[in-house]
Amino acid sequence: MTSCRGVIIAGVTNRARTQMAEGILTSLTNNRLFVKSGGYIHSGVIHPMAVEVLGEMGIDMKGRTASSLESAQRQRYTYDVYVSIDSPYSEKGSDAHQRASSSRQLEHVAPSETYSDPLLAHPMPSHWSIAFDATDARQKWDIWSPRDPSIYHQNSTRRFQDDLYEGEPLFMRPQMSLLRRAAKVSDRWELAEVGERYAMESEEEQLKRFRIARNTLCTKCVHLLRRLEDYYGETLLTNEKPLKCVPSTAFVTSE
């Protein structure tokens, strides 16, 4: 084993990118480094295309299941390295990552619903729609409720006003991830989402995006291991066989 106590890779769903990064780091270090990945909203199983592209490198990822960041924290609370993988901020605003706007769906809504009385059914408040990096920060909401003794009593003189605002977010506190704050080495990898298929995209095109993401993760994992070798003064990159299927041009990047 090494002096590094562990590497945690945080993502949103823990289906594809984080699982591939965990498998690549584990294979490059010959299991000498404890690597664990987790997702903020974890799903059931790993994406089958991620298993396929890693199988081309000789890395067996069959039978693996997605896990949450909470379970990864329970397994080993002390991590020296924290890496978050998320889509670039510029791509989060593109049409591929956004739902269709309501203006495009008005033609399918009945006129009675379009011009209904707004006092009968309140729309969702605009301040509820929050964009954030789920791997870096947590949002803690305190919901307003007149039946919560810590906020206000039910038998108060403002009971009628309190009932009007029931369910509204009282205030929000963004909190930095405890795992990131406790880590000695921290990094953020920007990589586009590959698990969801785009509209009119074939299976071969999505598999090509998986291979590109795999090659990108290989370069980032190698750079991370080189950085850790300088930090700890140990040799961590002990298995370079999985890198044979990665084009050599992928490693020609600026440090």
C-alpha atoms as a PDB file:
ATOM      1  CA  MET A   1       0.000   0.000   0.000  1.00  0.00           C
ATOM      2  CA  THR A   2       0.947   3.640  -0.297  1.00  0.00           C
ATOM      3  CA  SER A   3       0.991   6.612   2.026  1.00  0.00           C
ATOM      4  CA  CYS A   4      -2.125   7.963   0.311  1.00  0.00           C
ATOM      5  CA  ARG A   5      -5.147   6.968   2.360  1.00  0.00           C
ATOM      6  CA  GLY A   6      -7.526   6.930  -0.578  1.00  0.00           C
ATOM      7  CA  VAL A   7      -9.022   8.647  -3.593  1.00  0.00           C
ATOM      8  CA  ILE A   8     -12.711   9.455  -3.846  1.00  0.00           C
ATOM      9  CA  ILE A   9     -14.276  10.326  -7.200  1.00  0.00           C
ATOM     10  CA  ALA A  10     -17.535  12.236  -6.891  1.00  0.00           C
ATOM     11  CA  GLY A  11     -20.134  12.580  -9.591  1.00  0.00           C
ATOM     12  CA  VAL A  12     -23.821  13.111 -10.086  1.00  0.00           C
ATOM     13  CA  THR A  13     -25.156   9.655 -11.010  1.00  0.00           C
ATOM     14  CA  ASN A  14     -22.139   7.326 -10.631  1.00  0.00           C
ATOM     15  CA  ARG A  15     -23.072   5.378 -13.756  1.00  0.00           C
ATOM     16  CA  ALA A  16     -20.404   6.063 -16.364  1.00  0.00           C
ATOM     17  CA  ARG A  17     -17.708   8.710 -15.920  1.00  0.00           C
ATOM     18  CA  THR A  18     -16.965   8.166 -12.243  1.00  0.00           C
ATOM     19  CA  GLN A  19     -17.073   4.389 -12.606  1.00  0.00           C
ATOM     20  CA  MET A  20     -14.676   4.495 -15.550  1.00  0.00           C
ATOM     21  CA  ALA A  21     -12.295   6.752 -13.632  1.00  0.00           C
ATOM     22  CA  GLU A  22     -12.368   4.385 -10.657  1.00  0.00           C
ATOM     23  CA  GLY A  23     -11.634   1.371 -12.835  1.00  0.00           C
ATOM     24  CA  ILE A  24      -8.803   3.122 -14.678  1.00  0.00           C
ATOM     25  CA  LEU A  25      -7.122   4.367 -11.496  1.00  0.00           C
ATOM     26  CA  THR A  26      -7.441   0.963  -9.838  1.00  0.00           C
ATOM     27  CA  SER A  27      -5.932  -0.777 -12.864  1.00  0.00           C
ATOM     28  CA  LEU A  28      -3.072   1.699 -13.336  1.00  0.00           C
ATOM     29  CA  THR A  29      -2.030   1.307  -9.692  1.00  0.00           C
ATOM     30  CA  ASN A  30      -2.528  -2.488  -9.475  1.00  0.00           C
ATOM     31  CA  ASN A  31      -4.921  -2.048  -6.536  1.00  0.00           C
ATOM     32  CA  ARG A  32      -2.201  -0.407  -4.449  1.00  0.00           C
ATOM     33  CA  LEU A  33      -4.354   2.686  -4.090  1.00  0.00           C
ATOM     34  CA  PHE A  34      -7.797   2.682  -2.493  1.00  0.00           C
ATOM     35  CA  VAL A  35     -10.170   4.250  -5.018  1.00  0.00           C
ATOM     36  CA  LYS A  36     -13.886   4.724  -4.463  1.00  0.00           C
ATOM     37  CA  SER A  37     -16.495   6.518  -6.533  1.00  0.00           C
ATOM     38  CA  GLY A  38     -19.902   7.789  -5.531  1.00  0.00           C
ATOM     39  CA  GLY A  39     -22.775   9.786  -6.881  1.00  0.00           C
ATOM     40  CA  TYR A  40     -25.032  12.466  -5.497  1.00  0.00           C
ATOM     41  CA  ILE A  41     -28.037  10.794  -7.162  1.00  0.00           C
ATOM     42  CA  HIS A  42     -26.822   7.245  -7.666  1.00  0.00           C
ATOM     43  CA  SER A  43     -28.583   4.810  -9.979  1.00  0.00           C
ATOM     44  CA  GLY A  44     -28.692   1.036  -9.903  1.00  0.00           C
ATOM     45  CA  VAL A  45     -26.062  -0.348 -12.234  1.00  0.00           C
ATOM     46  CA  ILE A  46     -23.118   0.851 -14.245  1.00  0.00           C
ATOM     47  CA  HIS A  47     -23.761   1.853 -17.848  1.00  0.00           C
ATOM     48  CA  PRO A  48     -23.238  -1.125 -20.207  1.00  0.00           C
ATOM     49  CA  MET A  49     -21.258   0.989 -22.666  1.00  0.00           C
ATOM     50  CA  ALA A  50     -18.846   1.937 -19.892  1.00  0.00           C
ATOM     51  CA  VAL A  51     -18.315  -1.767 -19.241  1.00  0.00           C
ATOM     52  CA  GLU A  52     -17.716  -2.337 -22.951  1.00  0.00           C
ATOM     53  CA  VAL A  53     -15.156   0.419 -23.503  1.00  0.00           C
ATOM     54  CA  LEU A  54     -13.228  -0.544 -20.360  1.00  0.00           C
ATOM     55  CA  GLY A  55     -13.310  -4.177 -21.455  1.00  0.00           C
ATOM     56  CA  GLU A  56     -11.382  -3.112 -24.555  1.00  0.00           C
ATOM     57  CA  MET A  57      -8.598  -2.017 -22.196  1.00  0.00           C
ATOM     58  CA  GLY A  58      -8.639  -5.289 -20.301  1.00  0.00           C
ATOM     59  CA  ILE A  59     -10.483  -3.858 -17.285  1.00  0.00           C
ATOM     60  CA  ASP A  60     -13.377  -5.989 -16.070  1.00  0.00           C
ATOM     61  CA  MET A  61     -16.206  -3.859 -14.672  1.00  0.00           C
ATOM     62  CA  LYS A  62     -19.012  -6.427 -14.864  1.00  0.00           C
ATOM     63  CA  GLY A  63     -21.187  -6.853 -11.838  1.00  0.00           C
ATOM     64  CA  ARG A  64     -20.398  -3.455 -10.379  1.00  0.00           C
ATOM     65  CA  THR A  65     -23.178  -1.334  -8.941  1.00  0.00           C
ATOM     66  CA  ALA A  66     -23.432   2.401  -8.443  1.00  0.00           C
ATOM     67  CA  SER A  67     -23.012   3.771  -4.941  1.00  0.00           C
ATOM     68  CA  SER A  68     -23.743   7.052  -3.237  1.00  0.00           C
ATOM     69  CA  LEU A  69     -21.307   9.498  -1.713  1.00  0.00           C
ATOM     70  CA  GLU A  70     -22.753   8.715   1.699  1.00  0.00           C
ATOM     71  CA  SER A  71     -21.853   5.039   1.406  1.00  0.00           C
ATOM     72  CA  ALA A  72     -18.375   5.926   0.156  1.00  0.00           C
ATOM     73  CA  GLN A  73     -17.940   8.193   3.145  1.00  0.00           C
ATOM     74  CA  ARG A  74     -19.007   5.419   5.528  1.00  0.00           C
ATOM     75  CA  GLN A  75     -16.528   2.957   4.037  1.00  0.00           C
ATOM     76  CA  ARG A  76     -13.577   5.247   4.606  1.00  0.00           C
ATOM     77  CA  TYR A  77     -14.113   8.716   5.935  1.00  0.00           C
ATOM     78  CA  THR A  78     -10.512   9.865   5.496  1.00  0.00           C
ATOM     79  CA  TYR A  79      -9.569  10.525   1.875  1.00  0.00           C
ATOM     80  CA  ASP A  80      -6.437  12.325   0.816  1.00  0.00           C
ATOM     81  CA  VAL A  81      -7.585  13.002  -2.756  1.00  0.00           C
ATOM     82  CA  TYR A  82     -10.964  14.350  -3.838  1.00  0.00           C
ATOM     83  CA  VAL A  83     -11.814  14.475  -7.550  1.00  0.00           C
ATOM     84  CA  SER A  84     -15.150  15.697  -8.872  1.00  0.00           C
ATOM     85  CA  ILE A  85     -16.326  14.969 -12.406  1.00  0.00           C
ATOM     86  CA  ASP A  86     -19.022  17.172 -13.867  1.00  0.00           C
ATOM     87  CA  SER A  87     -20.099  18.640 -17.171  1.00  0.00           C
ATOM     88  CA  PRO A  88     -18.533  21.954 -18.197  1.00  0.00           C
ATOM     89  CA  TYR A  89     -20.553  24.986 -17.209  1.00  0.00           C
ATOM     90  CA  SER A  90     -20.693  26.114 -20.828  1.00  0.00           C
ATOM     91  CA  GLU A  91     -22.399  22.884 -21.892  1.00  0.00           C
ATOM     92  CA  LYS A  92     -24.930  22.900 -19.074  1.00  0.00           C
ATOM     93  CA  GLY A  93     -26.768  25.683 -20.848  1.00  0.00           C
ATOM     94  CA  SER A  94     -26.899  23.924 -24.212  1.00  0.00           C
ATOM     95  CA  ASP A  95     -30.021  22.310 -25.633  1.00  0.00           C
ATOM     96  CA  ALA A  96     -28.614  18.843 -24.994  1.00  0.00           C
ATOM     97  CA  HIS A  97     -28.710  19.383 -21.215  1.00  0.00           C
ATOM     98  CA  GLN A  98     -31.911  21.434 -20.965  1.00  0.00           C
ATOM     99  CA  ARG A  99     -35.566  20.548 -21.129  1.00  0.00           C
ATOM    100  CA  ALA A 100     -37.805  22.024 -23.778  1.00  0.00           C
ATOM    101  CA  SER A 101     -39.021  25.467 -22.861  1.00  0.00           C
ATOM    102  CA  SER A 102     -42.619  25.948 -21.816  1.00  0.00           C
ATOM    103  CA  SER A 103     -43.237  28.232 -24.794  1.00  0.00           C
ATOM    104  CA  ARG A 104     -42.797  25.273 -27.151  1.00  0.00           C
ATOM    105  CA  GLN A 105     -45.415  23.273 -25.258  1.00  0.00           C
ATOM    106  CA  LEU A 106     -48.158  25.897 -25.054  1.00  0.00           C
ATOM    107  CA  GLU A 107     -49.801  24.638 -28.221  1.00  0.00           C
ATOM    108  CA  HIS A 108     -50.491  21.285 -26.545  1.00  0.00           C
ATOM    109  CA  VAL A 109     -52.128  22.871 -23.486  1.00  0.00           C
ATOM    110  CA  ALA A 110     -55.854  23.505 -23.381  1.00  0.00           C
ATOM    111  CA  PRO A 111     -56.899  27.187 -23.459  1.00  0.00           C
ATOM    112  CA  SER A 112     -58.721  26.781 -20.149  1.00  0.00           C
ATOM    113  CA  GLU A 113     -55.466  25.753 -18.506  1.00  0.00           C
ATOM    114  CA  THR A 114     -53.459  28.496 -20.171  1.00  0.00           C
ATOM    115  CA  TYR A 115     -55.761  31.316 -19.054  1.00  0.00           C
ATOM    116  CA  SER A 116     -56.813  29.886 -15.682  1.00  0.00           C
ATOM    117  CA  ASP A 117     -56.978  31.929 -12.517  1.00  0.00           C
ATOM    118  CA  PRO A 118     -53.447  32.112 -11.070  1.00  0.00           C
ATOM    119  CA  LEU A 119     -54.866  32.351  -7.545  1.00  0.00           C
ATOM    120  CA  LEU A 120     -56.322  28.848  -7.775  1.00  0.00           C
ATOM    121  CA  ALA A 121     -53.096  27.059  -8.683  1.00  0.00           C
ATOM    122  CA  HIS A 122     -49.838  28.796  -7.910  1.00  0.00           C
ATOM    123  CA  PRO A 123     -47.004  28.131 -10.359  1.00  0.00           C
ATOM    124  CA  MET A 124     -43.624  26.924  -9.184  1.00  0.00           C
ATOM    125  CA  PRO A 125     -41.597  29.879  -7.896  1.00  0.00           C
ATOM    126  CA  SER A 126     -38.743  30.887 -10.148  1.00  0.00           C
ATOM    127  CA  HIS A 127     -36.263  30.874  -7.274  1.00  0.00           C
ATOM    128  CA  TRP A 128     -36.771  27.128  -6.852  1.00  0.00           C
ATOM    129  CA  SER A 129     -34.852  26.475 -10.057  1.00  0.00           C
ATOM    130  CA  ILE A 130     -31.242  26.444  -8.878  1.00  0.00           C
ATOM    131  CA  ALA A 131     -28.174  25.459 -10.899  1.00  0.00           C
ATOM    132  CA  PHE A 132     -25.285  24.086  -8.895  1.00  0.00           C
ATOM    133  CA  ASP A 133     -22.421  21.638  -9.048  1.00  0.00           C
ATOM    134  CA  ALA A 134     -23.702  18.647  -7.121  1.00  0.00           C
ATOM    135  CA  THR A 135     -20.230  17.226  -6.612  1.00  0.00           C
ATOM    136  CA  ASP A 136     -18.751  20.334  -4.988  1.00  0.00           C
ATOM    137  CA  ALA A 137     -21.447  21.777  -2.763  1.00  0.00           C
ATOM    138  CA  ARG A 138     -24.565  20.825  -0.906  1.00  0.00           C
ATOM    139  CA  GLN A 139     -27.711  22.883  -0.545  1.00  0.00           C
ATOM    140  CA  LYS A 140     -29.533  22.796   2.776  1.00  0.00           C
ATOM    141  CA  TRP A 141     -33.073  24.136   2.597  1.00  0.00           C
ATOM    142  CA  ASP A 142     -35.205  25.091   5.598  1.00  0.00           C
ATOM    143  CA  ILE A 143     -38.857  24.771   4.584  1.00  0.00           C
ATOM    144  CA  TRP A 144     -41.381  27.163   6.112  1.00  0.00           C
ATOM    145  CA  SER A 145     -44.137  25.448   8.068  1.00  0.00           C
ATOM    146  CA  PRO A 146     -46.528  26.964  10.630  1.00  0.00           C
ATOM    147  CA  ARG A 147     -46.560  23.632  12.497  1.00  0.00           C
ATOM    148  CA  ASP A 148     -42.827  23.707  13.121  1.00  0.00           C
ATOM    149  CA  PRO A 149     -42.277  24.971  16.701  1.00  0.00           C
ATOM    150  CA  SER A 150     -38.773  26.095  15.836  1.00  0.00           C
ATOM    151  CA  ILE A 151     -40.158  28.549  13.264  1.00  0.00           C
ATOM    152  CA  TYR A 152     -43.529  29.671  14.588  1.00  0.00           C
ATOM    153  CA  HIS A 153     -46.382  28.219  16.614  1.00  0.00           C
ATOM    154  CA  GLN A 154     -49.630  27.037  15.102  1.00  0.00           C
ATOM    155  CA  ASN A 155     -51.828  29.077  17.462  1.00  0.00           C
ATOM    156  CA  SER A 156     -50.200  32.373  16.603  1.00  0.00           C
ATOM    157  CA  THR A 157     -52.015  35.480  15.500  1.00  0.00           C
ATOM    158  CA  ARG A 158     -50.273  35.211  12.110  1.00  0.00           C
ATOM    159  CA  ARG A 159     -51.645  31.747  11.473  1.00  0.00           C
ATOM    160  CA  PHE A 160     -53.505  32.722   8.306  1.00  0.00           C
ATOM    161  CA  GLN A 161     -50.425  34.381   6.803  1.00  0.00           C
ATOM    162  CA  ASP A 162     -48.214  31.468   7.764  1.00  0.00           C
ATOM    163  CA  ASP A 163     -50.488  28.983   6.022  1.00  0.00           C
ATOM    164  CA  LEU A 164     -50.187  30.943   2.793  1.00  0.00           C
ATOM    165  CA  TYR A 165     -46.425  30.460   2.744  1.00  0.00           C
ATOM    166  CA  GLU A 166     -46.381  26.829   3.852  1.00  0.00           C
ATOM    167  CA  GLY A 167     -43.907  24.829   1.810  1.00  0.00           C
ATOM    168  CA  GLU A 168     -41.877  27.838   0.719  1.00  0.00           C
ATOM    169  CA  PRO A 169     -38.105  27.633   1.172  1.00  0.00           C
ATOM    170  CA  LEU A 170     -37.250  29.827   4.135  1.00  0.00           C
ATOM    171  CA  PHE A 171     -33.571  30.188   3.300  1.00  0.00           C
ATOM    172  CA  MET A 172     -30.807  28.165   1.691  1.00  0.00           C
ATOM    173  CA  ARG A 173     -27.277  27.563   2.900  1.00  0.00           C
ATOM    174  CA  PRO A 174     -24.705  26.317   0.408  1.00  0.00           C
ATOM    175  CA  GLN A 175     -22.189  24.083   2.130  1.00  0.00           C
ATOM    176  CA  MET A 176     -18.889  22.901   0.752  1.00  0.00           C
ATOM    177  CA  SER A 177     -18.473  19.137   0.639  1.00  0.00           C
ATOM    178  CA  LEU A 178     -16.821  17.853   3.808  1.00  0.00           C
ATOM    179  CA  LEU A 179     -14.819  15.325   1.819  1.00  0.00           C
ATOM    180  CA  ARG A 180     -13.357  18.053  -0.377  1.00  0.00           C
ATOM    181  CA  ARG A 181     -12.416  20.222   2.577  1.00  0.00           C
ATOM    182  CA  ALA A 182     -10.692  17.324   4.339  1.00  0.00           C
ATOM    183  CA  ALA A 183      -8.709  16.232   1.270  1.00  0.00           C
ATOM    184  CA  LYS A 184      -5.063  17.153   0.795  1.00  0.00           C
ATOM    185  CA  VAL A 185      -5.244  17.112  -3.015  1.00  0.00           C
ATOM    186  CA  SER A 186      -8.371  18.335  -4.765  1.00  0.00           C
ATOM    187  CA  ASP A 187      -9.220  18.538  -8.437  1.00  0.00           C
ATOM    188  CA  ARG A 188     -12.202  19.034 -10.723  1.00  0.00           C
ATOM    189  CA  TRP A 189     -12.451  17.305 -14.093  1.00  0.00           C
ATOM    190  CA  GLU A 190     -14.782  18.789 -16.666  1.00  0.00           C
ATOM    191  CA  LEU A 191     -16.165  16.072 -18.903  1.00  0.00           C
ATOM    192  CA  ALA A 192     -19.389  16.102 -20.888  1.00  0.00           C
ATOM    193  CA  GLU A 193     -22.182  13.722 -19.962  1.00  0.00           C
ATOM    194  CA  VAL A 194     -22.125  10.479 -21.954  1.00  0.00           C
ATOM    195  CA  GLY A 195     -24.735   8.314 -20.253  1.00  0.00           C
ATOM    196  CA  GLU A 196     -27.757   9.949 -21.889  1.00  0.00           C
ATOM    197  CA  ARG A 197     -28.261   9.516 -25.612  1.00  0.00           C
ATOM    198  CA  TYR A 198     -28.924  12.639 -27.625  1.00  0.00           C
ATOM    199  CA  ALA A 199     -31.903  12.995 -29.913  1.00  0.00           C
ATOM    200  CA  MET A 200     -31.421  11.192 -33.252  1.00  0.00           C
ATOM    201  CA  GLU A 201     -28.140   9.727 -32.021  1.00  0.00           C
ATOM    202  CA  SER A 202     -27.298   6.165 -32.970  1.00  0.00           C
ATOM    203  CA  GLU A 203     -25.757   3.592 -30.661  1.00  0.00           C
ATOM    204  CA  GLU A 204     -22.459   3.727 -32.554  1.00  0.00           C
ATOM    205  CA  GLU A 205     -22.226   7.483 -32.103  1.00  0.00           C
ATOM    206  CA  GLN A 206     -22.850   7.207 -28.380  1.00  0.00           C
ATOM    207  CA  LEU A 207     -20.256   4.439 -28.111  1.00  0.00           C
ATOM    208  CA  LYS A 208     -17.791   6.729 -29.868  1.00  0.00           C
ATOM    209  CA  ARG A 209     -18.441   9.399 -27.242  1.00  0.00           C
ATOM    210  CA  PHE A 210     -17.771   6.800 -24.551  1.00  0.00           C
ATOM    211  CA  ARG A 211     -14.401   5.963 -26.121  1.00  0.00           C
ATOM    212  CA  ILE A 212     -13.481   9.646 -26.290  1.00  0.00           C
ATOM    213  CA  ALA A 213     -14.446  10.059 -22.634  1.00  0.00           C
ATOM    214  CA  ARG A 214     -12.410   6.974 -21.728  1.00  0.00           C
ATOM    215  CA  ASN A 215      -9.308   8.338 -23.455  1.00  0.00           C
ATOM    216  CA  THR A 216      -9.789  11.697 -21.758  1.00  0.00           C
ATOM    217  CA  LEU A 217     -10.115  10.020 -18.369  1.00  0.00           C
ATOM    218  CA  CYS A 218      -6.942   8.031 -19.026  1.00  0.00           C
ATOM    219  CA  THR A 219      -4.952  11.198 -19.582  1.00  0.00           C
ATOM    220  CA  LYS A 220      -6.429  12.848 -16.496  1.00  0.00           C
ATOM    221  CA  CYS A 221      -5.749   9.769 -14.370  1.00  0.00           C
ATOM    222  CA  VAL A 222      -2.131   9.630 -15.529  1.00  0.00           C
ATOM    223  CA  HIS A 223      -1.641  13.323 -14.751  1.00  0.00           C
ATOM    224  CA  LEU A 224      -3.232  12.822 -11.330  1.00  0.00           C
ATOM    225  CA  LEU A 225      -0.948   9.891 -10.536  1.00  0.00           C
ATOM    226  CA  ARG A 226       2.111  11.884 -11.625  1.00  0.00           C
ATOM    227  CA  ARG A 227       0.971  14.691  -9.361  1.00  0.00           C
ATOM    228  CA  LEU A 228       0.531  12.290  -6.445  1.00  0.00           C
ATOM    229  CA  GLU A 229       3.951  10.771  -7.097  1.00  0.00           C
ATOM    230  CA  ASP A 230       5.507  14.198  -6.705  1.00  0.00           C
ATOM    231  CA  TYR A 231       3.437  14.828  -3.589  1.00  0.00           C
ATOM    232  CA  TYR A 232       4.158  11.541  -1.784  1.00  0.00           C
ATOM    233  CA  GLY A 233       7.505  10.658  -3.360  1.00  0.00           C
ATOM    234  CA  GLU A 234       6.310   7.175  -4.304  1.00  0.00           C
ATOM    235  CA  THR A 235       5.727   5.282  -7.522  1.00  0.00           C
ATOM    236  CA  LEU A 236       2.014   4.855  -8.134  1.00  0.00           C
ATOM    237  CA  LEU A 237       1.767   4.265 -11.889  1.00  0.00           C
ATOM    238  CA  THR A 238       2.876   0.625 -11.966  1.00  0.00           C
ATOM    239  CA  ASN A 239       0.708  -0.804 -14.761  1.00  0.00           C
ATOM    240  CA  GLU A 240       0.735   0.852 -18.170  1.00  0.00           C
ATOM    241  CA  LYS A 241      -0.840  -2.013 -20.129  1.00  0.00           C
ATOM    242  CA  PRO A 242      -4.343  -0.467 -20.181  1.00  0.00           C
ATOM    243  CA  LEU A 243      -2.889   2.614 -21.894  1.00  0.00           C
ATOM    244  CA  LYS A 244      -1.930   0.710 -25.041  1.00  0.00           C
ATOM    245  CA  CYS A 245      -5.351   1.182 -26.631  1.00  0.00           C
ATOM    246  CA  VAL A 246      -5.278   4.927 -25.950  1.00  0.00           C
ATOM    247  CA  PRO A 247      -3.833   7.030 -28.806  1.00  0.00           C
ATOM    248  CA  SER A 248      -0.487   8.574 -27.956  1.00  0.00           C
ATOM    249  CA  THR A 249      -1.745  11.953 -29.143  1.00  0.00           C
ATOM    250  CA  ALA A 250      -4.187  11.999 -26.230  1.00  0.00           C
ATOM    251  CA  PHE A 251      -1.314  12.461 -23.779  1.00  0.00           C
ATOM    252  CA  VAL A 252       0.116  15.471 -25.619  1.00  0.00           C
ATOM    253  CA  THR A 253      -1.579  18.093 -23.476  1.00  0.00           C
ATOM    254  CA  SER A 254      -0.415  21.113 -21.590  1.00  0.00           C
ATOM    255  CA  GLU A 255       0.399  20.550 -17.926  1.00  0.00           C
END
